Amino acid sequence: MSADVLLANAKTDTIGTDFSIRVIGSQIPPAKMTIQIAVTGKAKVEIQGRLHKQAPWATLATRVESCLIYIEPIGSLRAVTTETGADSSVSVWAAWAM
């Protein structure tokens, strides 16, 4: 199955051969959003969002190292990892109203 098919239909956490998706948003946007990404080893992380469930996902940020990101509120948010190295891991947290 291609990554595009999984990305288009992912409603929950999804793991594929070369990538994984973690659903980290909600349908009700908060006042503020903070995202923390922790990368151990090698990986590329895209934070994606969309305004409506029928809208296409858009990339908001791309990172290859651990960081904090501050963004405007958005209704749907997800993290997509690619190029994940052997023995590498990625964790993503989102905090609302902080």
Protein backbone atom coordinates (compact mmCIF):
# COMPACT_ATOMS: atom_id res chain seq x y z
CA MET A 1 0.00 0.00 0.00
CA SER A 2 1.39 3.40 -0.92
CA ALA A 3 2.06 6.09 1.67
CA ASP A 4 -0.39 8.43 -0.10
CA VAL A 5 -3.26 5.98 0.44
CA LEU A 6 -2.44 5.58 4.13
CA LEU A 7 -1.99 9.33 4.60
CA ALA A 8 -5.30 10.10 2.92
CA ASN A 9 -7.22 7.59 5.03
CA ALA A 10 -5.44 7.71 8.40
CA LYS A 11 -7.87 8.37 11.22
CA THR A 12 -5.75 6.78 13.98
CA ASP A 13 -2.10 5.99 14.56
CA THR A 14 -0.69 4.17 11.51
CA ILE A 15 2.58 2.36 10.95
CA GLY A 16 3.92 1.51 7.50
CA THR A 17 7.16 0.04 6.17
CA ASP A 18 8.99 3.37 5.87
CA PHE A 19 6.88 5.79 7.89
CA SER A 20 4.45 6.22 10.77
CA ILE A 21 1.57 8.59 11.49
CA ARG A 22 0.50 9.75 14.93
CA VAL A 23 -2.80 11.59 15.17
CA ILE A 24 -2.22 14.41 17.67
CA GLY A 25 -5.07 16.84 17.10
CA SER A 26 -8.72 17.32 17.83
CA GLN A 27 -11.74 18.79 16.07
CA ILE A 28 -11.97 21.78 18.45
CA PRO A 29 -9.07 24.23 18.12
CA PRO A 30 -7.57 25.44 21.42
CA ALA A 31 -6.52 29.00 22.26
CA LYS A 32 -2.82 28.18 21.75
CA MET A 33 -0.82 25.12 20.69
CA THR A 34 2.66 23.93 21.58
CA ILE A 35 4.23 20.88 19.95
CA GLN A 36 7.30 19.08 21.27
CA ILE A 37 9.24 16.70 19.04
CA ALA A 38 11.88 14.32 20.44
CA VAL A 39 14.09 12.59 17.89
CA THR A 40 16.59 9.95 19.00
CA GLY A 41 18.87 8.89 16.16
CA LYS A 42 17.86 9.90 12.63
CA ALA A 43 14.36 10.77 11.39
CA LYS A 44 12.45 13.43 9.48
CA VAL A 45 9.24 14.66 11.17
CA GLU A 46 6.50 16.63 9.43
CA ILE A 47 3.81 18.36 11.45
CA GLN A 48 0.72 18.54 9.25
CA GLY A 49 -2.63 20.19 9.74
CA ARG A 50 -5.93 20.83 8.01
CA LEU A 51 -8.90 23.07 8.69
CA HIS A 52 -11.65 20.60 7.75
CA LYS A 53 -11.81 16.81 7.62
CA GLN A 54 -12.32 16.93 3.83
CA ALA A 55 -9.40 19.32 3.25
CA PRO A 56 -6.00 18.03 2.19
CA TRP A 57 -3.24 17.82 4.81
CA ALA A 58 -0.71 20.66 4.61
CA THR A 59 2.80 20.61 6.06
CA LEU A 60 3.22 23.21 8.81
CA ALA A 61 6.79 22.35 9.83
CA THR A 62 9.54 19.85 8.99
CA ARG A 63 12.20 18.97 11.54
CA VAL A 64 15.08 16.47 11.80
CA GLU A 65 15.98 17.12 15.45
CA SER A 66 14.25 17.57 18.81
CA CYS A 67 12.49 20.92 19.27
CA LEU A 68 9.50 22.92 20.50
CA ILE A 69 7.13 24.48 17.96
CA TYR A 70 4.52 27.12 18.69
CA ILE A 71 1.64 27.34 16.21
CA GLU A 72 -1.70 29.03 15.80
CA PRO A 73 -4.70 26.81 16.68
CA ILE A 74 -5.81 24.30 14.07
CA GLY A 75 -8.63 21.76 14.12
CA SER A 76 -6.73 18.68 12.93
CA LEU A 77 -3.06 18.03 13.49
CA ARG A 78 -0.79 15.04 12.91
CA ALA A 79 2.89 14.07 12.89
CA VAL A 80 4.32 12.03 10.01
CA THR A 81 7.79 10.49 10.27
CA THR A 82 9.92 9.38 7.33
CA GLU A 83 13.56 8.47 6.79
CA THR A 84 13.65 6.91 10.26
CA GLY A 85 17.00 5.24 10.87
CA ALA A 86 17.58 1.88 12.47
CA ASP A 87 17.44 2.06 16.28
CA SER A 88 15.88 5.55 16.02
CA SER A 89 12.70 6.78 17.65
CA VAL A 90 10.39 9.78 17.43
CA SER A 91 7.96 11.04 20.05
CA VAL A 92 5.54 13.94 19.51
CA TRP A 93 3.42 15.70 22.12
CA ALA A 94 0.89 18.47 21.66
CA ALA A 95 -0.25 20.76 24.48
CA TRP A 96 -3.33 22.93 24.31
CA ALA A 97 -3.87 26.33 25.98
CA MET A 98 -0.33 26.63 27.30
